[in-house]
Amino acid sequence: AAAAKVDSLWGLCNNAGVGFGRTIADTLSPNYYGSKRVCQAFLPKVESRICNIGSASAPNFVSGLGDASLKAFFTSSDTSLEDLEKKLDEYSAAPDYEGVAYG
């Protein structure tokens, strides 16, 4: 709805950064999916740059993974968006026994 109110933007800045004390699903909602929705809505109107600012949730989560293949999956430019979102859905659905999103 907001994208319909503007003709063009020089740039777009997403500032989504939540983490401590939230579940993985509650952290991904603004940090990943919120930023993605904003980019999808405004991308056709952005003339120059997009800047994404987030919390340390993702790097802290990945650094806490014990499995080297999972670390490679989350940091590889070869990981497809479809595969990434499938994996994020798996983590979101899993019980978060510690009550934090940091892995």
C-alpha atoms as a PDB file:
ATOM      1  CA  ALA A   1       0.000   0.000   0.000  1.00  0.00           C
ATOM      2  CA  ALA A   2       2.796   2.446   0.859  1.00  0.00           C
ATOM      3  CA  ALA A   3       4.611   1.741  -2.419  1.00  0.00           C
ATOM      4  CA  ALA A   4       1.555   2.925  -4.350  1.00  0.00           C
ATOM      5  CA  LYS A   5       1.942   6.380  -2.774  1.00  0.00           C
ATOM      6  CA  VAL A   6       5.317   7.154  -4.352  1.00  0.00           C
ATOM      7  CA  ASP A   7       6.466   7.378  -7.958  1.00  0.00           C
ATOM      8  CA  SER A   8      10.152   6.869  -7.326  1.00  0.00           C
ATOM      9  CA  LEU A   9      12.766   6.699  -4.598  1.00  0.00           C
ATOM     10  CA  TRP A  10      16.428   7.615  -4.817  1.00  0.00           C
ATOM     11  CA  GLY A  11      17.233   4.933  -2.274  1.00  0.00           C
ATOM     12  CA  LEU A  12      15.702   2.548   0.204  1.00  0.00           C
ATOM     13  CA  CYS A  13      16.951   1.754   3.700  1.00  0.00           C
ATOM     14  CA  ASN A  14      15.611  -1.250   5.598  1.00  0.00           C
ATOM     15  CA  ASN A  15      16.416  -1.046   9.305  1.00  0.00           C
ATOM     16  CA  ALA A  16      15.207  -4.293  10.821  1.00  0.00           C
ATOM     17  CA  GLY A  17      17.111  -5.437  13.841  1.00  0.00           C
ATOM     18  CA  VAL A  18      15.533  -7.476  16.598  1.00  0.00           C
ATOM     19  CA  GLY A  19      17.025 -10.407  18.405  1.00  0.00           C
ATOM     20  CA  PHE A  20      17.601 -11.020  22.072  1.00  0.00           C
ATOM     21  CA  GLY A  21      14.824 -12.808  23.917  1.00  0.00           C
ATOM     22  CA  ARG A  22      12.761 -13.634  20.840  1.00  0.00           C
ATOM     23  CA  THR A  23      12.054 -16.932  19.151  1.00  0.00           C
ATOM     24  CA  ILE A  24      13.577 -17.707  15.783  1.00  0.00           C
ATOM     25  CA  ALA A  25      10.215 -17.097  14.073  1.00  0.00           C
ATOM     26  CA  ASP A  26       9.740 -13.763  15.870  1.00  0.00           C
ATOM     27  CA  THR A  27      13.242 -12.693  14.858  1.00  0.00           C
ATOM     28  CA  LEU A  28      12.908 -13.741  11.215  1.00  0.00           C
ATOM     29  CA  SER A  29       9.603 -11.922  10.795  1.00  0.00           C
ATOM     30  CA  PRO A  30      11.072  -8.387  10.766  1.00  0.00           C
ATOM     31  CA  ASN A  31      14.749  -9.162  10.160  1.00  0.00           C
ATOM     32  CA  TYR A  32      14.334 -11.291   7.040  1.00  0.00           C
ATOM     33  CA  TYR A  33      10.746 -11.436   5.827  1.00  0.00           C
ATOM     34  CA  GLY A  34       9.982  -7.778   6.618  1.00  0.00           C
ATOM     35  CA  SER A  35      13.038  -6.562   4.738  1.00  0.00           C
ATOM     36  CA  LYS A  36      12.212  -8.887   1.857  1.00  0.00           C
ATOM     37  CA  ARG A  37       8.620  -7.590   1.627  1.00  0.00           C
ATOM     38  CA  VAL A  38       9.783  -3.956   1.634  1.00  0.00           C
ATOM     39  CA  CYS A  39      12.340  -4.667  -1.092  1.00  0.00           C
ATOM     40  CA  GLN A  40       9.786  -6.491  -3.232  1.00  0.00           C
ATOM     41  CA  ALA A  41       7.268  -3.659  -2.877  1.00  0.00           C
ATOM     42  CA  PHE A  42       9.648  -0.783  -3.562  1.00  0.00           C
ATOM     43  CA  LEU A  43      12.313  -2.293  -5.842  1.00  0.00           C
ATOM     44  CA  PRO A  44      10.598  -1.159  -9.065  1.00  0.00           C
ATOM     45  CA  LYS A  45      10.673   2.417  -7.746  1.00  0.00           C
ATOM     46  CA  VAL A  46      14.258   2.550  -6.441  1.00  0.00           C
ATOM     47  CA  GLU A  47      16.545   4.538  -8.723  1.00  0.00           C
ATOM     48  CA  SER A  48      19.869   4.017  -6.997  1.00  0.00           C
ATOM     49  CA  ARG A  49      20.547   1.932  -3.891  1.00  0.00           C
ATOM     50  CA  ILE A  50      19.127  -0.375  -1.270  1.00  0.00           C
ATOM     51  CA  CYS A  51      20.723  -0.523   2.168  1.00  0.00           C
ATOM     52  CA  ASN A  52      19.764  -3.305   4.582  1.00  0.00           C
ATOM     53  CA  ILE A  53      20.627  -2.903   8.257  1.00  0.00           C
ATOM     54  CA  GLY A  54      19.972  -5.737  10.671  1.00  0.00           C
ATOM     55  CA  SER A  55      20.789  -7.034  14.083  1.00  0.00           C
ATOM     56  CA  ALA A  56      23.569  -9.485  14.814  1.00  0.00           C
ATOM     57  CA  SER A  57      21.025 -12.315  14.984  1.00  0.00           C
ATOM     58  CA  ALA A  58      22.008 -13.991  11.709  1.00  0.00           C
ATOM     59  CA  PRO A  59      25.796 -13.920  12.157  1.00  0.00           C
ATOM     60  CA  ASN A  60      25.467 -14.994  15.790  1.00  0.00           C
ATOM     61  CA  PHE A  61      23.103 -17.805  14.835  1.00  0.00           C
ATOM     62  CA  VAL A  62      25.394 -19.071  12.071  1.00  0.00           C
ATOM     63  CA  SER A  63      28.528 -18.837  14.216  1.00  0.00           C
ATOM     64  CA  GLY A  64      26.765 -20.905  16.871  1.00  0.00           C
ATOM     65  CA  LEU A  65      25.993 -23.754  14.488  1.00  0.00           C
ATOM     66  CA  GLY A  66      28.165 -26.765  15.202  1.00  0.00           C
ATOM     67  CA  ASP A  67      27.701 -28.308  11.766  1.00  0.00           C
ATOM     68  CA  ALA A  68      30.201 -26.991   9.191  1.00  0.00           C
ATOM     69  CA  SER A  69      27.908 -27.941   6.293  1.00  0.00           C
ATOM     70  CA  LEU A  70      25.103 -25.813   7.790  1.00  0.00           C
ATOM     71  CA  LYS A  71      27.489 -22.887   8.205  1.00  0.00           C
ATOM     72  CA  ALA A  72      28.475 -23.298   4.550  1.00  0.00           C
ATOM     73  CA  PHE A  73      24.816 -23.485   3.510  1.00  0.00           C
ATOM     74  CA  PHE A  74      23.916 -20.226   5.274  1.00  0.00           C
ATOM     75  CA  THR A  75      26.962 -18.328   3.995  1.00  0.00           C
ATOM     76  CA  SER A  76      27.218 -19.588   0.419  1.00  0.00           C
ATOM     77  CA  SER A  77      26.199 -17.383  -2.493  1.00  0.00           C
ATOM     78  CA  ASP A  78      25.235 -20.651  -4.228  1.00  0.00           C
ATOM     79  CA  THR A  79      22.360 -21.279  -1.791  1.00  0.00           C
ATOM     80  CA  SER A  80      19.118 -20.558  -3.622  1.00  0.00           C
ATOM     81  CA  LEU A  81      16.460 -18.335  -2.128  1.00  0.00           C
ATOM     82  CA  GLU A  82      14.037 -21.266  -2.245  1.00  0.00           C
ATOM     83  CA  ASP A  83      16.429 -23.536  -0.325  1.00  0.00           C
ATOM     84  CA  LEU A  84      17.238 -20.790   2.169  1.00  0.00           C
ATOM     85  CA  GLU A  85      13.577 -20.128   2.930  1.00  0.00           C
ATOM     86  CA  LYS A  86      12.874 -23.842   3.253  1.00  0.00           C
ATOM     87  CA  LYS A  87      15.634 -24.112   5.856  1.00  0.00           C
ATOM     88  CA  LEU A  88      14.422 -20.968   7.656  1.00  0.00           C
ATOM     89  CA  ASP A  89      10.936 -22.495   7.813  1.00  0.00           C
ATOM     90  CA  GLU A  90      12.413 -25.647   9.379  1.00  0.00           C
ATOM     91  CA  TYR A  91      14.195 -23.642  12.059  1.00  0.00           C
ATOM     92  CA  SER A  92      11.103 -21.493  12.688  1.00  0.00           C
ATOM     93  CA  ALA A  93       8.942 -24.564  13.235  1.00  0.00           C
ATOM     94  CA  ALA A  94      11.414 -26.261  15.581  1.00  0.00           C
ATOM     95  CA  PRO A  95      11.042 -25.831  19.337  1.00  0.00           C
ATOM     96  CA  ASP A  96      13.276 -23.050  20.608  1.00  0.00           C
ATOM     97  CA  TYR A  97      14.227 -24.459  24.000  1.00  0.00           C
ATOM     98  CA  GLU A  98      16.456 -21.549  24.963  1.00  0.00           C
ATOM     99  CA  GLY A  99      13.898 -18.900  23.992  1.00  0.00           C
ATOM    100  CA  VAL A 100      16.434 -16.982  21.932  1.00  0.00           C
ATOM    101  CA  ALA A 101      17.158 -16.711  18.228  1.00  0.00           C
ATOM    102  CA  TYR A 102      20.910 -16.986  18.464  1.00  0.00           C
ATOM    103  CA  GLY A 103      21.354 -20.699  17.854  1.00  0.00           C
END
